[in-house]
Amino acid sequence: MLDIEAYVGGRHHVEGVAKVYKLSSNETPLGPSPAAVAAFRDAADSLEIYPDGGATALRTAIGQKYGIDPARIVCGTGSDELLSLLTNAFMGPGDEGIYSRHGFLVYEINIRAAGGVPVVAEETDLTASVDAILAKVTDRTKIIFLANPNNPTGTYLPFDEVRRLHGALPPHVLLVLDAAYAEYVRRNDYASGLELALTGDNVVMVRTFSKIHGLAALRLGWLVGPAAIVDALNRIRGPFNVNAPAIAAGAAAIADDAHVAAALAHNDEWLPRLTEAFAGMGLTVTPSVGNFVLIHFPDTPGRTAREADEFLCRRGLVLRAVAAYGLPNALRMTIGSSEANALVIAALAEFMSAGRHG
């Protein structure tokens, strides 16, 4: 286990800087739904009581939102726990798990933790490639992780491509569709994978409350899949794996359509504004459908991603270095508040101008 590289979250503190704008963890600048906050506080009156081990109220609320039988839903301590449960349930020593080159780092960690062999499929233009993934499938393949949209690139696969991937897989391979950012996508050819998870025997869809719902501190996620897979996960998960305040807050959050709409409107305004602003500075921005942008810097002294990161941090603007994802010349920026976004635009314009004249 000591050969596994630990996952490191986004930086949130800068020594000597009074006000920090944290744009390193893809959190929503709007915060949680007021209804979710109220439900969380109400739950504080019963902290001596064990939570409902089946998270019934939460599964019911999710089912009502998406038209799903709650019996097909499993809730967990963040989508991270669900990804770990899936890996432990379906992989063992020597089994192979596939993910794309710039996929979520947790996939490799989970595969290695289960004694499996991580297998990387190359991407095309920082986008997962169905053909590259299929070329890596062997008799030892047990699981494929596909983040759609992907973090940290912000790219996505159209649903026709996801369907093509699933249709070409042998029955012994489980396709895990990680749709953590699904709510942000505005493309007509995108689908979260819910339909496949409800109709296929070897596919699940995983979602989170940490992003658009603003409940990252509560660690809350959910999964939908075939009855047999749900049954297997319920047998191995902890009996009280989701705490009572999280259950209450999640049920309230998923029913607050107005709060989600406000978060989407903010994202729809700033995603193109940031992309255009950075491109206007001569920086390359990977087209994103999420709540973040991946900004590429030249490998030129005075203008590198590392130097940009240091420059921004001195001004309290914390982005995410993504060298661990194989992207040493890029920074990922969460779409933050209007104030934070404007400050980053101004600071990067200053940085790039200084680099040109340095």
Protein backbone atom coordinates (compact mmCIF):
# COMPACT_ATOMS: atom_id res chain seq x y z
CA MET A 1 0.00 0.00 0.00
CA LEU A 2 2.94 2.35 0.55
CA ASP A 3 3.50 2.55 -3.22
CA ILE A 4 0.13 4.33 -3.61
CA GLU A 5 0.39 8.08 -4.05
CA ALA A 6 -2.04 9.73 -1.61
CA TYR A 7 -4.69 12.03 -3.04
CA VAL A 8 -4.00 15.68 -2.18
CA GLY A 9 -6.93 18.09 -2.20
CA GLY A 10 -6.92 21.66 -3.41
CA ARG A 11 -4.80 24.18 -1.53
CA HIS A 12 -6.80 26.53 0.67
CA HIS A 13 -4.27 28.58 2.65
CA VAL A 14 -1.52 31.03 1.72
CA GLU A 15 0.94 32.07 4.40
CA GLY A 16 0.88 35.81 5.04
CA VAL A 17 -2.18 36.54 2.91
CA ALA A 18 -5.20 37.82 4.82
CA LYS A 19 -7.97 37.13 2.29
CA VAL A 20 -7.79 33.99 0.18
CA TYR A 21 -10.07 33.16 -2.74
CA LYS A 22 -10.08 29.37 -2.92
CA LEU A 23 -10.58 28.33 -6.53
CA SER A 24 -8.82 25.00 -6.28
CA SER A 25 -11.53 22.47 -5.36
CA ASN A 26 -14.48 23.02 -7.75
CA GLU A 27 -16.77 24.20 -4.97
CA THR A 28 -19.83 26.29 -5.77
CA PRO A 29 -19.54 30.02 -5.01
CA LEU A 30 -23.26 30.13 -4.19
CA GLY A 31 -22.97 27.81 -1.20
CA PRO A 32 -25.65 25.30 -0.20
CA SER A 33 -29.40 25.65 -0.51
CA PRO A 34 -30.93 27.54 2.43
CA ALA A 35 -33.37 24.64 2.73
CA ALA A 36 -30.44 22.24 3.09
CA VAL A 37 -28.88 24.41 5.80
CA ALA A 38 -32.18 24.49 7.70
CA ALA A 39 -32.58 20.72 7.43
CA PHE A 40 -29.01 20.23 8.65
CA ARG A 41 -29.64 22.43 11.69
CA ASP A 42 -32.90 20.67 12.50
CA ALA A 43 -31.04 17.35 12.50
CA ALA A 44 -28.79 18.66 15.28
CA ASP A 45 -31.65 18.12 17.73
CA SER A 46 -31.31 14.33 17.38
CA LEU A 47 -27.59 13.67 17.27
CA GLU A 48 -27.89 10.94 19.89
CA ILE A 49 -29.94 8.81 17.48
CA TYR A 50 -28.33 6.52 14.90
CA PRO A 51 -29.15 7.53 11.32
CA ASP A 52 -31.42 5.48 9.10
CA GLY A 53 -29.03 2.86 7.73
CA GLY A 54 -30.82 2.84 4.41
CA ALA A 55 -30.88 6.64 3.98
CA THR A 56 -34.52 6.17 3.01
CA ALA A 57 -35.51 9.84 3.00
CA LEU A 58 -32.57 10.73 0.79
CA ARG A 59 -33.06 7.86 -1.65
CA THR A 60 -36.75 8.73 -1.85
CA ALA A 61 -35.97 12.38 -2.63
CA ILE A 62 -33.48 11.37 -5.33
CA GLY A 63 -35.98 8.91 -6.75
CA GLN A 64 -38.66 11.59 -6.96
CA LYS A 65 -36.27 14.02 -8.62
CA TYR A 66 -35.14 11.64 -11.36
CA GLY A 67 -38.01 9.16 -11.59
CA ILE A 68 -35.96 6.28 -10.18
CA ASP A 69 -37.04 3.40 -7.98
CA PRO A 70 -35.27 4.19 -4.66
CA ALA A 71 -34.39 0.50 -4.37
CA ARG A 72 -31.94 1.02 -7.24
CA ILE A 73 -30.06 3.77 -5.37
CA VAL A 74 -27.15 3.52 -2.93
CA CYS A 75 -25.97 6.54 -0.96
CA GLY A 76 -22.47 7.00 0.38
CA THR A 77 -20.01 9.24 2.17
CA GLY A 78 -19.28 11.19 -0.98
CA SER A 79 -19.01 9.59 -4.39
CA ASP A 80 -15.48 8.67 -3.29
CA GLU A 81 -16.84 5.98 -0.95
CA LEU A 82 -19.05 4.58 -3.69
CA LEU A 83 -16.13 4.38 -6.12
CA SER A 84 -14.14 2.53 -3.47
CA LEU A 85 -17.01 0.14 -2.73
CA LEU A 86 -17.39 -0.67 -6.42
CA THR A 87 -13.68 -1.36 -6.79
CA ASN A 88 -13.56 -3.60 -3.74
CA ALA A 89 -16.71 -5.45 -4.80
CA PHE A 90 -15.64 -6.21 -8.37
CA MET A 91 -11.85 -6.29 -8.35
CA GLY A 92 -9.25 -8.48 -6.73
CA PRO A 93 -5.49 -9.05 -6.95
CA GLY A 94 -4.33 -9.13 -10.55
CA ASP A 95 -7.56 -7.78 -12.02
CA GLU A 96 -7.30 -4.79 -14.31
CA GLY A 97 -9.08 -1.46 -14.08
CA ILE A 98 -9.08 1.07 -16.92
CA TYR A 99 -9.31 4.85 -16.82
CA SER A 100 -8.32 7.62 -19.23
CA ARG A 101 -4.94 9.36 -19.11
CA HIS A 102 -6.13 12.46 -17.29
CA GLY A 103 -8.94 10.84 -15.30
CA PHE A 104 -9.67 11.42 -11.62
CA LEU A 105 -6.66 10.37 -9.49
CA VAL A 106 -8.89 8.41 -7.10
CA TYR A 107 -9.48 5.75 -9.77
CA GLU A 108 -5.86 4.58 -9.72
CA ILE A 109 -5.76 4.75 -5.93
CA ASN A 110 -8.82 2.52 -5.61
CA ILE A 111 -7.58 0.01 -8.18
CA ARG A 112 -4.22 -0.33 -6.43
CA ALA A 113 -5.87 -0.54 -3.01
CA ALA A 114 -7.90 -3.53 -4.22
CA GLY A 115 -4.73 -5.25 -5.41
CA GLY A 116 -5.59 -4.54 -9.02
CA VAL A 117 -3.54 -3.35 -11.95
CA PRO A 118 -4.23 0.18 -13.23
CA VAL A 119 -4.42 0.46 -17.01
CA VAL A 120 -4.29 3.86 -18.69
CA ALA A 121 -6.07 4.57 -21.97
CA GLU A 122 -4.68 7.51 -23.93
CA GLU A 123 -6.89 10.49 -24.71
CA THR A 124 -7.46 12.55 -27.85
CA ASP A 125 -7.30 16.32 -27.35
CA LEU A 126 -7.59 15.77 -23.57
CA THR A 127 -10.83 13.84 -24.14
CA ALA A 128 -11.44 10.19 -23.34
CA SER A 129 -11.27 7.95 -26.42
CA VAL A 130 -13.70 5.05 -26.73
CA ASP A 131 -11.43 3.24 -29.16
CA ALA A 132 -8.40 3.65 -26.90
CA ILE A 133 -10.36 2.32 -23.93
CA LEU A 134 -11.69 -0.67 -25.84
CA ALA A 135 -8.18 -1.49 -27.07
CA LYS A 136 -7.10 -1.92 -23.44
CA VAL A 137 -9.87 -4.38 -22.50
CA THR A 138 -8.67 -7.92 -21.77
CA ASP A 139 -10.00 -11.02 -20.04
CA ARG A 140 -8.57 -9.57 -16.81
CA THR A 141 -10.43 -6.26 -17.10
CA LYS A 142 -13.08 -5.95 -14.39
CA ILE A 143 -13.91 -2.25 -14.25
CA ILE A 144 -13.72 0.89 -16.39
CA PHE A 145 -13.96 4.33 -14.82
CA LEU A 146 -15.20 7.09 -17.11
CA ALA A 147 -15.53 10.60 -15.69
CA ASN A 148 -18.03 12.38 -17.91
CA PRO A 149 -17.45 15.33 -17.81
CA ASN A 150 -13.84 14.76 -16.83
CA ASN A 151 -11.94 16.53 -14.08
CA PRO A 152 -9.50 18.32 -14.50
CA THR A 153 -9.90 18.75 -18.27
CA GLY A 154 -13.61 19.71 -18.41
CA THR A 155 -14.08 17.66 -21.58
CA TYR A 156 -16.89 15.16 -22.18
CA LEU A 157 -18.02 12.29 -24.38
CA PRO A 158 -21.32 12.59 -26.23
CA PHE A 159 -23.87 10.02 -25.16
CA ASP A 160 -23.65 8.16 -28.48
CA GLU A 161 -19.98 7.48 -27.73
CA VAL A 162 -20.76 6.33 -24.19
CA ARG A 163 -23.41 4.01 -25.58
CA ARG A 164 -20.91 2.69 -28.15
CA LEU A 165 -18.40 2.01 -25.37
CA HIS A 166 -20.93 0.16 -23.27
CA GLY A 167 -22.25 -1.84 -26.22
CA ALA A 168 -18.76 -3.13 -27.07
CA LEU A 169 -17.89 -4.30 -23.55
CA PRO A 170 -18.01 -7.97 -22.56
CA PRO A 171 -20.46 -8.76 -19.73
CA HIS A 172 -17.70 -9.29 -17.17
CA VAL A 173 -16.60 -5.61 -17.36
CA LEU A 174 -18.37 -3.04 -15.17
CA LEU A 175 -18.64 0.45 -16.65
CA VAL A 176 -18.67 3.16 -13.96
CA LEU A 177 -19.95 6.52 -15.22
CA ASP A 178 -18.77 9.23 -12.84
CA ALA A 179 -21.15 12.14 -13.49
CA ALA A 180 -20.06 14.47 -10.69
CA TYR A 181 -20.44 17.53 -12.95
CA ALA A 182 -23.46 16.42 -14.95
CA GLU A 183 -25.73 19.22 -13.74
CA TYR A 184 -23.50 21.87 -15.32
CA VAL A 185 -23.49 20.46 -18.86
CA ARG A 186 -25.47 22.43 -21.45
CA ARG A 187 -24.76 20.29 -24.55
CA ASN A 188 -27.63 18.58 -26.36
CA ASP A 189 -25.55 15.49 -27.13
CA TYR A 190 -24.72 14.84 -23.47
CA ALA A 191 -26.45 12.50 -21.02
CA SER A 192 -25.37 11.56 -17.51
CA GLY A 193 -25.75 7.82 -18.09
CA LEU A 194 -28.88 7.41 -15.98
CA GLU A 195 -30.70 5.53 -18.75
CA LEU A 196 -27.82 3.09 -19.23
CA ALA A 197 -27.57 2.50 -15.50
CA LEU A 198 -31.27 1.68 -15.33
CA THR A 199 -31.30 -0.64 -18.35
CA GLY A 200 -27.85 -2.25 -18.51
CA ASP A 201 -26.60 -5.15 -16.43
CA ASN A 202 -23.00 -3.95 -16.18
CA VAL A 203 -23.14 -0.16 -15.82
CA VAL A 204 -23.62 2.21 -12.90
CA MET A 205 -23.82 5.99 -12.65
CA VAL A 206 -22.29 7.84 -9.68
CA ARG A 207 -23.25 11.39 -8.64
CA THR A 208 -22.28 13.81 -5.88
CA PHE A 209 -23.79 16.53 -3.71
CA SER A 210 -20.39 18.24 -3.38
CA LYS A 211 -20.54 20.34 -6.55
CA ILE A 212 -23.68 22.15 -7.67
CA HIS A 213 -25.54 21.34 -4.42
CA GLY A 214 -22.77 22.84 -2.27
CA LEU A 215 -22.61 20.09 0.37
CA ALA A 216 -18.92 19.17 0.02
CA ALA A 217 -18.34 19.40 3.79
CA LEU A 218 -20.96 16.70 4.44
CA ARG A 219 -19.39 14.15 2.05
CA LEU A 220 -22.49 12.89 0.27
CA GLY A 221 -22.92 10.94 -2.95
CA TRP A 222 -25.29 8.51 -4.63
CA LEU A 223 -25.25 5.75 -7.19
CA VAL A 224 -27.84 4.09 -9.39
CA GLY A 225 -27.38 0.72 -11.05
CA PRO A 226 -28.68 -2.80 -11.64
CA ALA A 227 -30.43 -4.49 -8.74
CA ALA A 228 -27.69 -7.14 -8.41
CA ILE A 229 -24.94 -4.52 -8.11
CA VAL A 230 -26.95 -2.45 -5.64
CA ASP A 231 -27.50 -5.60 -3.56
CA ALA A 232 -23.76 -6.35 -3.54
CA LEU A 233 -22.86 -2.84 -2.44
CA ASN A 234 -25.46 -2.82 0.32
CA ARG A 235 -23.89 -6.01 1.70
CA ILE A 236 -20.41 -4.53 2.05
CA ARG A 237 -21.00 -0.85 2.86
CA GLY A 238 -21.01 0.32 6.46
CA PRO A 239 -24.42 -0.05 8.13
CA PHE A 240 -24.60 3.69 8.91
CA ASN A 241 -22.32 5.03 6.20
CA VAL A 242 -24.30 8.28 5.72
CA ASN A 243 -24.89 10.48 8.76
CA ALA A 244 -28.29 11.87 9.67
CA PRO A 245 -27.57 15.59 9.05
CA ALA A 246 -26.23 14.70 5.60
CA ILE A 247 -29.33 12.65 4.79
CA ALA A 248 -31.59 15.55 5.80
CA ALA A 249 -29.56 18.21 4.00
CA GLY A 250 -29.24 16.12 0.84
CA ALA A 251 -32.98 15.45 0.64
CA ALA A 252 -33.67 19.18 0.96
CA ALA A 253 -30.94 20.19 -1.50
CA ILE A 254 -32.02 17.95 -4.34
CA ALA A 255 -35.56 19.32 -4.13
CA ASP A 256 -34.44 22.96 -4.36
CA ASP A 257 -34.64 23.53 -8.11
CA ALA A 258 -34.39 27.32 -7.74
CA HIS A 259 -31.01 27.11 -6.02
CA VAL A 260 -29.65 24.78 -8.70
CA ALA A 261 -30.96 27.12 -11.40
CA ALA A 262 -29.15 30.07 -9.79
CA ALA A 263 -25.90 28.10 -9.67
CA LEU A 264 -26.30 27.18 -13.33
CA ALA A 265 -27.00 30.78 -14.34
CA HIS A 266 -23.82 31.94 -12.59
CA ASN A 267 -21.80 29.21 -14.29
CA ASP A 268 -23.33 29.94 -17.69
CA GLU A 269 -22.32 33.58 -17.34
CA TRP A 270 -18.74 33.08 -16.20
CA LEU A 271 -17.61 29.96 -18.08
CA PRO A 272 -17.50 31.72 -21.46
CA ARG A 273 -16.30 35.03 -19.95
CA LEU A 274 -13.29 33.40 -18.31
CA THR A 275 -12.50 31.28 -21.35
CA GLU A 276 -12.57 34.30 -23.66
CA ALA A 277 -10.58 36.47 -21.26
CA PHE A 278 -7.75 33.97 -20.87
CA ALA A 279 -7.68 33.18 -24.58
CA GLY A 280 -7.39 36.90 -25.23
CA MET A 281 -4.18 36.91 -23.17
CA GLY A 282 -2.66 34.30 -25.47
CA LEU A 283 -3.35 31.39 -23.11
CA THR A 284 -4.88 28.12 -24.27
CA VAL A 285 -8.03 27.05 -22.44
CA THR A 286 -9.41 23.54 -22.88
CA PRO A 287 -13.13 23.82 -23.78
CA SER A 288 -14.98 22.95 -20.57
CA VAL A 289 -18.55 21.91 -19.81
CA GLY A 290 -18.05 21.87 -16.03
CA ASN A 291 -17.68 24.52 -13.34
CA PHE A 292 -13.96 24.96 -13.93
CA VAL A 293 -11.48 25.76 -16.68
CA LEU A 294 -8.09 24.24 -17.48
CA ILE A 295 -5.61 26.97 -18.41
CA HIS A 296 -2.41 26.05 -20.27
CA PHE A 297 0.71 28.17 -19.91
CA PRO A 298 3.76 28.31 -22.17
CA ASP A 299 6.90 26.50 -21.11
CA THR A 300 8.74 29.81 -21.17
CA PRO A 301 10.67 31.27 -18.21
CA GLY A 302 8.62 33.97 -16.57
CA ARG A 303 5.32 32.65 -17.93
CA THR A 304 5.09 29.06 -16.73
CA ALA A 305 2.19 27.54 -14.81
CA ARG A 306 4.34 27.26 -11.69
CA GLU A 307 5.26 30.94 -11.83
CA ALA A 308 1.67 31.92 -12.55
CA ASP A 309 0.55 29.90 -9.54
CA GLU A 310 3.05 31.67 -7.30
CA PHE A 311 2.05 35.08 -8.72
CA LEU A 312 -1.64 34.42 -8.09
CA CYS A 313 -1.10 32.97 -4.61
CA ARG A 314 0.70 36.13 -3.51
CA ARG A 315 -2.54 37.92 -4.31
CA GLY A 316 -4.68 35.39 -2.44
CA LEU A 317 -5.93 33.68 -5.61
CA VAL A 318 -5.51 29.93 -5.20
CA LEU A 319 -5.91 27.77 -8.30
CA ARG A 320 -5.11 24.06 -8.65
CA ALA A 321 -1.79 22.86 -10.00
CA VAL A 322 -2.42 19.68 -11.98
CA ALA A 323 1.06 18.25 -12.50
CA ALA A 324 -0.12 15.10 -10.68
CA TYR A 325 -2.52 14.59 -13.60
CA GLY A 326 0.31 14.76 -16.11
CA LEU A 327 -0.40 18.41 -16.91
CA PRO A 328 2.61 20.30 -15.48
CA ASN A 329 2.06 23.37 -17.65
CA ALA A 330 -1.56 23.95 -16.65
CA LEU A 331 -3.64 25.30 -13.78
CA ARG A 332 -7.28 24.46 -13.12
CA MET A 333 -9.52 27.29 -11.98
CA THR A 334 -12.89 26.77 -10.36
CA ILE A 335 -15.49 29.31 -11.45
CA GLY A 336 -15.80 31.33 -8.26
CA SER A 337 -17.67 34.42 -7.18
CA SER A 338 -17.90 37.37 -9.57
CA GLU A 339 -15.34 39.18 -7.41
CA ALA A 340 -12.87 36.29 -7.44
CA ASN A 341 -13.24 35.71 -11.18
CA ALA A 342 -12.61 39.36 -11.99
CA LEU A 343 -9.54 39.40 -9.75
CA VAL A 344 -8.06 36.37 -11.50
CA ILE A 345 -8.62 37.93 -14.93
CA ALA A 346 -6.87 41.12 -13.84
CA ALA A 347 -4.01 39.27 -12.11
CA LEU A 348 -3.32 36.91 -15.04
CA ALA A 349 -3.40 39.84 -17.47
CA GLU A 350 -0.76 41.52 -15.32
CA PHE A 351 1.27 38.30 -15.12
CA MET A 352 1.22 37.69 -18.86
CA SER A 353 2.07 41.31 -19.62
CA ALA A 354 5.02 41.21 -17.21
CA GLY A 355 6.19 37.98 -18.83
CA ARG A 356 6.14 39.56 -22.29
CA HIS A 357 8.18 42.53 -21.15
CA GLY A 358 10.47 40.72 -18.72
